[in-house]
Amino acid sequence: MSENAMHDLIIESRRKITLTGINDVESFDDETITATGNCGEISIRGSALRISSLSVETGDMIVEGQIDAVIYSEAKATGSFLSRVFR
């Protein structure tokens, strides 16, 4: 990760999470959202999860629902979710 790459994460009452530095959403359902960002791959796990806001231009994402875990790992070089769907 570049030192200039910014990423912030704010969790509010385990019901809302705001992230910056998001490049792509790899997959999502109501229990897991996986995205890639400036810091690598991010998995958000919980229940009744939904992406309430996503801006590709700014890299901001807001997720609402019951948040149980946020897991960081190295990004996988497999292409975006949409590029895999439309192959």
Protein backbone atom coordinates (compact mmCIF):
# COMPACT_ATOMS: atom_id res chain seq x y z
CA MET A 1 0.00 0.00 0.00
CA SER A 2 1.26 3.43 -0.91
CA GLU A 3 1.81 5.91 1.89
CA ASN A 4 -0.40 8.37 -0.04
CA ALA A 5 -3.30 5.89 -0.24
CA MET A 6 -5.97 6.99 2.20
CA HIS A 7 -8.44 4.66 3.86
CA ASP A 8 -10.77 5.38 6.75
CA LEU A 9 -13.35 3.22 8.47
CA ILE A 10 -16.01 4.46 10.89
CA ILE A 11 -18.40 2.06 12.62
CA GLU A 12 -21.47 3.54 14.30
CA SER A 13 -23.19 1.34 16.90
CA ARG A 14 -22.41 -1.77 14.82
CA ARG A 15 -25.32 -0.74 12.54
CA LYS A 16 -23.56 1.53 10.02
CA ILE A 17 -20.07 1.50 8.57
CA THR A 18 -18.55 4.26 6.45
CA LEU A 19 -15.45 3.46 4.40
CA THR A 20 -13.20 5.59 2.20
CA GLY A 21 -10.56 4.47 -0.28
CA ILE A 22 -12.79 1.78 -1.85
CA ASN A 23 -11.89 0.88 -5.44
CA ASP A 24 -14.33 -1.94 -6.24
CA VAL A 25 -17.01 -4.18 -4.73
CA GLU A 26 -16.07 -7.80 -5.46
CA SER A 27 -19.22 -9.49 -4.12
CA PHE A 28 -22.13 -8.82 -1.82
CA ASP A 29 -25.12 -10.45 -0.21
CA ASP A 30 -27.00 -9.85 3.03
CA GLU A 31 -24.29 -11.60 5.13
CA THR A 32 -20.97 -10.65 3.48
CA ILE A 33 -19.70 -7.71 1.45
CA THR A 34 -16.23 -8.00 -0.07
CA ALA A 35 -14.52 -4.94 -1.52
CA THR A 36 -11.04 -3.93 -2.58
CA GLY A 37 -9.55 -0.69 -1.45
CA ASN A 38 -6.31 1.19 -1.03
CA CYS A 39 -5.49 -1.11 1.89
CA GLY A 40 -6.24 -4.45 0.19
CA GLU A 41 -9.33 -6.62 0.42
CA ILE A 42 -11.99 -5.83 3.03
CA SER A 43 -14.73 -8.27 4.07
CA ILE A 44 -17.66 -7.03 6.13
CA ARG A 45 -19.67 -9.78 7.78
CA GLY A 46 -22.99 -9.61 9.58
CA SER A 47 -26.70 -9.88 8.85
CA ALA A 48 -29.19 -7.81 6.86
CA LEU A 49 -26.24 -6.00 5.24
CA ARG A 50 -26.90 -3.59 2.41
CA ILE A 51 -24.81 -1.04 0.56
CA SER A 52 -26.76 2.17 1.08
CA SER A 53 -24.26 4.38 -0.76
CA LEU A 54 -21.33 3.78 -3.11
CA SER A 55 -19.40 6.41 -5.05
CA VAL A 56 -16.89 5.12 -7.58
CA GLU A 57 -15.59 8.66 -8.14
CA THR A 58 -14.72 9.35 -4.51
CA GLY A 59 -14.22 5.78 -3.25
CA ASP A 60 -16.76 6.24 -0.44
CA MET A 61 -19.09 3.43 0.65
CA ILE A 62 -21.73 3.19 3.38
CA VAL A 63 -23.00 -0.19 4.57
CA GLU A 64 -25.95 -0.62 6.93
CA GLY A 65 -27.12 -3.68 8.86
CA GLN A 66 -25.86 -5.73 11.80
CA ILE A 67 -22.05 -5.61 11.55
CA ASP A 68 -20.31 -8.55 13.20
CA ALA A 69 -16.79 -8.39 11.69
CA VAL A 70 -14.48 -6.42 9.43
CA ILE A 71 -11.60 -8.46 8.01
CA TYR A 72 -8.63 -7.12 6.05
CA SER A 73 -6.50 -9.28 3.74
CA GLU A 74 -4.30 -8.89 0.68
CA ALA A 75 -6.21 -8.03 -2.51
CA LYS A 76 -6.77 -10.80 -5.03
CA ALA A 77 -5.95 -10.04 -8.67
CA THR A 78 -9.08 -11.60 -10.19
CA GLY A 79 -10.83 -8.58 -11.74
CA SER A 80 -13.90 -6.71 -10.61
CA PHE A 81 -17.22 -8.28 -9.70
CA LEU A 82 -18.89 -6.80 -12.78
CA SER A 83 -16.12 -7.97 -15.13
CA ARG A 84 -16.55 -11.53 -13.82
CA VAL A 85 -20.35 -11.38 -14.21
CA PHE A 86 -20.20 -10.17 -17.82
CA ARG A 87 -17.58 -12.60 -19.14
